[in-house]
Amino acid sequence: KLCLCSEPAPPKSLFAVNKTQTSVTLLWVEEGVADFFEVFCQQVGSSQETKLQEPIAVSSHVVTISSLLPATAYNCSVTSF
């Protein structure tokens, strides 16, 4: 079984723009081709079992994450698929 599949290049240059108390818009640059991106944000200091929300699948290079807690730090990751 031959697969001419190439791994999607990871996004780079992730920017947080339009920050409010409860939301943030994430914007990134992609090198290569990806079908979609999965964005996941987790509260800093929370355990891995404590999920803030389900990952969000988007096809563009920008997404707004809302329903965040005010005065709370988050780590967000973007994965290419």
Protein backbone atom coordinates (compact mmCIF):
# COMPACT_ATOMS: atom_id res chain seq x y z
CA LYS A 1 0.00 0.00 0.00
CA LEU A 2 1.66 3.21 -1.17
CA CYS A 3 0.71 6.58 0.23
CA LEU A 4 2.10 9.73 -1.28
CA CYS A 5 0.99 11.64 1.78
CA SER A 6 2.97 14.53 3.12
CA GLU A 7 2.68 15.75 6.64
CA PRO A 8 1.17 19.23 6.80
CA ALA A 9 3.67 21.86 7.82
CA PRO A 10 3.05 23.21 11.32
CA PRO A 11 1.71 26.75 11.52
CA LYS A 12 4.25 29.39 12.44
CA SER A 13 4.12 33.01 13.55
CA LEU A 14 1.05 32.73 15.79
CA PHE A 15 -0.29 36.13 16.85
CA ALA A 16 -2.93 37.05 19.42
CA VAL A 17 -4.86 40.07 18.18
CA ASN A 18 -8.07 41.84 19.25
CA LYS A 19 -7.80 40.76 22.88
CA THR A 20 -10.71 41.50 25.23
CA GLN A 21 -11.45 40.37 28.78
CA THR A 22 -13.21 37.23 27.55
CA SER A 23 -12.01 36.58 24.00
CA VAL A 24 -8.98 36.60 21.75
CA THR A 25 -8.53 36.41 18.00
CA LEU A 26 -5.66 34.17 16.89
CA LEU A 27 -3.95 34.69 13.54
CA TRP A 28 -1.15 32.56 12.10
CA VAL A 29 0.99 32.01 9.05
CA GLU A 30 1.10 28.59 7.41
CA GLU A 31 3.84 27.21 5.20
CA GLY A 32 2.68 24.36 3.02
CA VAL A 33 -0.81 22.96 2.56
CA ALA A 34 -3.25 21.95 5.29
CA ASP A 35 -6.85 20.77 4.99
CA PHE A 36 -7.81 22.38 8.28
CA PHE A 37 -6.41 23.56 11.61
CA GLU A 38 -7.32 22.51 15.13
CA VAL A 39 -7.11 25.22 17.76
CA PHE A 40 -7.05 24.35 21.44
CA CYS A 41 -6.77 26.72 24.40
CA GLN A 42 -6.15 25.64 27.97
CA GLN A 43 -5.96 27.64 31.17
CA VAL A 44 -2.36 28.05 32.37
CA GLY A 45 -1.78 26.01 35.51
CA SER A 46 -4.75 23.70 35.00
CA SER A 47 -4.21 19.96 34.80
CA GLN A 48 -4.31 18.17 31.46
CA GLU A 49 -7.59 16.54 32.49
CA THR A 50 -9.28 19.91 32.93
CA LYS A 51 -10.28 20.88 29.41
CA LEU A 52 -11.41 24.43 28.83
CA GLN A 53 -13.31 23.44 25.72
CA GLU A 54 -13.19 21.09 22.79
CA PRO A 55 -10.64 21.90 20.09
CA ILE A 56 -12.03 24.12 17.35
CA ALA A 57 -11.55 23.04 13.73
CA VAL A 58 -11.16 25.88 11.24
CA SER A 59 -10.18 26.08 7.59
CA SER A 60 -8.88 29.65 7.68
CA HIS A 61 -5.81 31.19 9.31
CA VAL A 62 -7.78 33.19 11.84
CA VAL A 63 -10.16 32.23 14.65
CA THR A 64 -11.77 34.01 17.59
CA ILE A 65 -11.83 32.14 20.89
CA SER A 66 -14.56 33.40 23.20
CA SER A 67 -16.00 32.49 26.61
CA LEU A 68 -12.61 32.93 28.26
CA LEU A 69 -12.34 33.83 31.93
CA PRO A 70 -11.26 37.43 32.67
CA ALA A 71 -7.79 37.97 34.19
CA THR A 72 -6.75 34.42 33.32
CA ALA A 73 -3.75 33.26 31.28
CA TYR A 74 -4.21 30.67 28.54
CA ASN A 75 -1.94 28.56 26.36
CA CYS A 76 -3.29 28.09 22.86
CA SER A 77 -2.00 25.71 20.22
CA VAL A 78 -2.71 25.37 16.51
CA THR A 79 -2.22 22.03 14.74
CA SER A 80 -2.30 21.49 10.97
CA PHE A 81 -4.16 18.55 9.43
